[in-house]
Amino acid sequence: MSKGDVETYQEDGQWKNRPEGNERASSTHDTKSEAAAAGRDTAVERGTEHVIKKQDGTIGEKNTYPRSRDPRDIEG
């Protein structure tokens, strides 16, 4: 992840969002969907990538905002 990208992950039974470079989470949520929505909003505001991790810590999804910044030129 590059500086400022937003990571959504699970820790201590809660879903959290943390911008790259921060030591602590910027927000905590009870469900993954709530955390992913908040993380997406933050990534859109910052114009960065949003990385959503699975419960086991592996990357489940990556989205680049705005879409025009995505280095991959494929649909989806």
N, C-alpha and C. Protein backbone atom coordinates (compact mmCIF):
# COMPACT_ATOMS: atom_id res chain seq x y z
N MET A 1 0.84 -1.18 0.00
CA MET A 1 0.00 0.00 0.00
C MET A 1 0.88 1.24 0.00
N SER A 2 0.45 2.24 -0.69
CA SER A 2 1.20 3.48 -0.69
C SER A 2 0.71 4.39 0.43
N LYS A 3 1.46 5.41 0.71
CA LYS A 3 1.15 6.33 1.79
C LYS A 3 -0.25 6.93 1.63
N GLY A 4 -1.07 6.80 2.65
CA GLY A 4 -2.41 7.37 2.63
C GLY A 4 -3.51 6.41 2.22
N ASP A 5 -3.15 5.24 1.66
CA ASP A 5 -4.18 4.26 1.31
C ASP A 5 -4.92 3.84 2.57
N VAL A 6 -6.18 3.45 2.42
CA VAL A 6 -7.03 3.09 3.56
C VAL A 6 -7.18 1.57 3.62
N GLU A 7 -6.95 1.03 4.81
CA GLU A 7 -7.04 -0.41 5.04
C GLU A 7 -8.22 -0.71 5.96
N THR A 8 -9.06 -1.67 5.56
CA THR A 8 -10.16 -2.16 6.41
C THR A 8 -9.76 -3.55 6.87
N TYR A 9 -9.76 -3.78 8.18
CA TYR A 9 -9.29 -5.05 8.74
C TYR A 9 -10.02 -5.37 10.04
N GLN A 10 -9.89 -6.62 10.48
CA GLN A 10 -10.51 -7.03 11.75
C GLN A 10 -9.44 -7.17 12.82
N GLU A 11 -9.77 -6.66 14.01
CA GLU A 11 -8.85 -6.77 15.15
C GLU A 11 -9.68 -6.75 16.43
N ASP A 12 -9.40 -7.67 17.31
CA ASP A 12 -10.08 -7.74 18.61
C ASP A 12 -11.61 -7.77 18.48
N GLY A 13 -12.12 -8.50 17.48
CA GLY A 13 -13.55 -8.66 17.32
C GLY A 13 -14.28 -7.48 16.69
N GLN A 14 -13.53 -6.47 16.27
CA GLN A 14 -14.14 -5.31 15.62
C GLN A 14 -13.48 -5.09 14.27
N TRP A 15 -14.26 -4.48 13.35
CA TRP A 15 -13.73 -4.10 12.05
C TRP A 15 -13.27 -2.66 12.13
N LYS A 16 -12.08 -2.40 11.58
CA LYS A 16 -11.47 -1.08 11.73
C LYS A 16 -10.95 -0.56 10.39
N ASN A 17 -10.80 0.76 10.33
CA ASN A 17 -10.20 1.42 9.18
C ASN A 17 -8.97 2.18 9.67
N ARG A 18 -7.90 2.08 8.86
CA ARG A 18 -6.67 2.78 9.22
C ARG A 18 -6.00 3.27 7.95
N PRO A 19 -5.79 4.58 7.85
CA PRO A 19 -5.00 5.09 6.72
C PRO A 19 -3.54 4.64 6.87
N GLU A 20 -2.91 4.30 5.77
CA GLU A 20 -1.50 3.89 5.77
C GLU A 20 -0.67 4.97 6.42
N GLY A 21 0.22 4.57 7.29
CA GLY A 21 1.08 5.51 8.00
C GLY A 21 0.59 5.79 9.41
N ASN A 22 -0.68 5.53 9.70
CA ASN A 22 -1.21 5.71 11.05
C ASN A 22 -0.97 4.45 11.86
N GLU A 23 -0.69 4.62 13.13
CA GLU A 23 -0.50 3.46 14.00
C GLU A 23 -1.83 2.94 14.53
N ARG A 24 -2.79 3.84 14.69
CA ARG A 24 -4.08 3.46 15.26
C ARG A 24 -5.19 3.59 14.22
N ALA A 25 -6.27 2.87 14.48
CA ALA A 25 -7.43 2.92 13.58
C ALA A 25 -8.10 4.29 13.66
N SER A 26 -8.62 4.73 12.53
CA SER A 26 -9.34 6.01 12.50
C SER A 26 -10.82 5.82 12.80
N SER A 27 -11.32 4.59 12.63
CA SER A 27 -12.72 4.30 12.96
C SER A 27 -12.88 2.82 13.27
N THR A 28 -13.87 2.49 14.11
CA THR A 28 -14.17 1.10 14.45
C THR A 28 -15.66 0.85 14.21
N HIS A 29 -15.98 -0.41 13.83
CA HIS A 29 -17.35 -0.77 13.46
C HIS A 29 -17.64 -2.20 13.91
N ASP A 30 -18.92 -2.49 14.10
CA ASP A 30 -19.34 -3.82 14.52
C ASP A 30 -19.34 -4.82 13.38
N THR A 31 -19.59 -4.35 12.14
CA THR A 31 -19.66 -5.27 11.01
C THR A 31 -18.67 -4.88 9.91
N LYS A 32 -18.32 -5.86 9.13
CA LYS A 32 -17.40 -5.62 8.01
C LYS A 32 -18.01 -4.66 6.99
N SER A 33 -19.31 -4.81 6.72
CA SER A 33 -19.95 -3.96 5.72
C SER A 33 -19.96 -2.49 6.15
N GLU A 34 -20.19 -2.23 7.44
CA GLU A 34 -20.14 -0.85 7.94
C GLU A 34 -18.73 -0.28 7.80
N ALA A 35 -17.74 -1.08 8.16
CA ALA A 35 -16.35 -0.62 8.08
C ALA A 35 -15.93 -0.39 6.63
N ALA A 36 -16.34 -1.29 5.74
CA ALA A 36 -15.99 -1.15 4.32
C ALA A 36 -16.61 0.11 3.73
N ALA A 37 -17.84 0.42 4.09
CA ALA A 37 -18.50 1.63 3.59
C ALA A 37 -17.78 2.88 4.08
N ALA A 38 -17.43 2.90 5.36
CA ALA A 38 -16.71 4.06 5.92
C ALA A 38 -15.32 4.17 5.30
N GLY A 39 -14.65 3.04 5.12
CA GLY A 39 -13.32 3.05 4.50
C GLY A 39 -13.36 3.53 3.07
N ARG A 40 -14.40 3.12 2.34
CA ARG A 40 -14.58 3.57 0.96
C ARG A 40 -14.75 5.09 0.92
N ASP A 41 -15.59 5.62 1.81
CA ASP A 41 -15.80 7.07 1.87
C ASP A 41 -14.49 7.81 2.13
N THR A 42 -13.69 7.30 3.04
CA THR A 42 -12.40 7.92 3.36
C THR A 42 -11.47 7.86 2.16
N ALA A 43 -11.42 6.72 1.48
CA ALA A 43 -10.55 6.57 0.31
C ALA A 43 -10.99 7.50 -0.83
N VAL A 44 -12.29 7.66 -1.01
CA VAL A 44 -12.81 8.56 -2.04
C VAL A 44 -12.41 10.00 -1.70
N GLU A 45 -12.57 10.40 -0.44
CA GLU A 45 -12.18 11.75 0.00
C GLU A 45 -10.71 12.02 -0.25
N ARG A 46 -9.86 11.02 0.04
CA ARG A 46 -8.42 11.18 -0.08
C ARG A 46 -7.90 10.93 -1.49
N GLY A 47 -8.71 10.28 -2.32
CA GLY A 47 -8.27 9.92 -3.67
C GLY A 47 -7.18 8.87 -3.63
N THR A 48 -7.39 7.81 -2.81
CA THR A 48 -6.39 6.77 -2.62
C THR A 48 -7.00 5.39 -2.88
N GLU A 49 -6.23 4.36 -2.59
CA GLU A 49 -6.70 2.98 -2.74
C GLU A 49 -7.33 2.51 -1.43
N HIS A 50 -8.35 1.67 -1.55
CA HIS A 50 -9.01 1.08 -0.38
C HIS A 50 -8.75 -0.42 -0.42
N VAL A 51 -8.10 -0.94 0.61
CA VAL A 51 -7.78 -2.37 0.72
C VAL A 51 -8.65 -2.97 1.80
N ILE A 52 -9.49 -3.93 1.41
CA ILE A 52 -10.38 -4.60 2.36
C ILE A 52 -9.83 -6.00 2.61
N LYS A 53 -9.48 -6.27 3.87
CA LYS A 53 -8.92 -7.57 4.22
C LYS A 53 -10.01 -8.51 4.71
N LYS A 54 -9.75 -9.80 4.52
CA LYS A 54 -10.64 -10.84 5.03
C LYS A 54 -10.39 -11.03 6.52
N GLN A 55 -11.22 -11.83 7.14
CA GLN A 55 -11.09 -12.08 8.57
C GLN A 55 -9.73 -12.67 8.92
N ASP A 56 -9.14 -13.46 8.00
CA ASP A 56 -7.85 -14.08 8.27
C ASP A 56 -6.67 -13.16 7.98
N GLY A 57 -6.95 -11.92 7.54
CA GLY A 57 -5.89 -10.94 7.31
C GLY A 57 -5.37 -10.87 5.88
N THR A 58 -5.83 -11.78 5.01
CA THR A 58 -5.40 -11.72 3.62
C THR A 58 -6.24 -10.68 2.87
N ILE A 59 -5.70 -10.16 1.78
CA ILE A 59 -6.41 -9.15 1.00
C ILE A 59 -7.57 -9.79 0.27
N GLY A 60 -8.76 -9.23 0.46
CA GLY A 60 -9.96 -9.74 -0.20
C GLY A 60 -10.37 -8.89 -1.37
N GLU A 61 -10.06 -7.59 -1.29
CA GLU A 61 -10.52 -6.66 -2.33
C GLU A 61 -9.66 -5.40 -2.30
N LYS A 62 -9.43 -4.83 -3.48
CA LYS A 62 -8.73 -3.56 -3.60
C LYS A 62 -9.49 -2.68 -4.58
N ASN A 63 -9.68 -1.43 -4.22
CA ASN A 63 -10.37 -0.48 -5.09
C ASN A 63 -9.59 0.83 -5.09
N THR A 64 -9.44 1.41 -6.27
CA THR A 64 -8.71 2.67 -6.42
C THR A 64 -9.69 3.80 -6.68
N TYR A 65 -9.51 4.91 -5.98
CA TYR A 65 -10.36 6.09 -6.14
C TYR A 65 -9.49 7.30 -6.40
N PRO A 66 -9.82 8.15 -7.37
CA PRO A 66 -10.86 7.91 -8.36
C PRO A 66 -10.45 6.80 -9.30
N ARG A 67 -11.41 6.22 -9.96
CA ARG A 67 -11.18 5.06 -10.82
C ARG A 67 -10.12 5.33 -11.89
N SER A 68 -10.02 6.57 -12.33
CA SER A 68 -9.05 6.93 -13.38
C SER A 68 -7.60 6.73 -12.93
N ARG A 69 -7.36 6.64 -11.63
CA ARG A 69 -6.01 6.41 -11.11
C ARG A 69 -5.60 4.93 -11.14
N ASP A 70 -6.56 4.03 -11.39
CA ASP A 70 -6.28 2.60 -11.37
C ASP A 70 -5.27 2.26 -12.46
N PRO A 71 -4.13 1.68 -12.09
CA PRO A 71 -3.11 1.36 -13.08
C PRO A 71 -3.51 0.22 -14.02
N ARG A 72 -4.48 -0.58 -13.61
CA ARG A 72 -4.94 -1.69 -14.46
C ARG A 72 -6.03 -1.18 -15.38
N ASP A 73 -5.95 -1.50 -16.63
CA ASP A 73 -6.92 -1.02 -17.61
C ASP A 73 -7.91 -2.11 -17.97
N ILE A 74 -8.66 -2.61 -16.97
CA ILE A 74 -9.65 -3.65 -17.23
C ILE A 74 -10.98 -3.26 -16.59
N GLU A 75 -12.05 -3.78 -17.10
CA GLU A 75 -13.36 -3.52 -16.53
C GLU A 75 -13.50 -4.29 -15.22
N GLY A 76 -14.35 -3.81 -14.32
CA GLY A 76 -14.67 -4.56 -13.12
C GLY A 76 -14.21 -3.92 -11.95
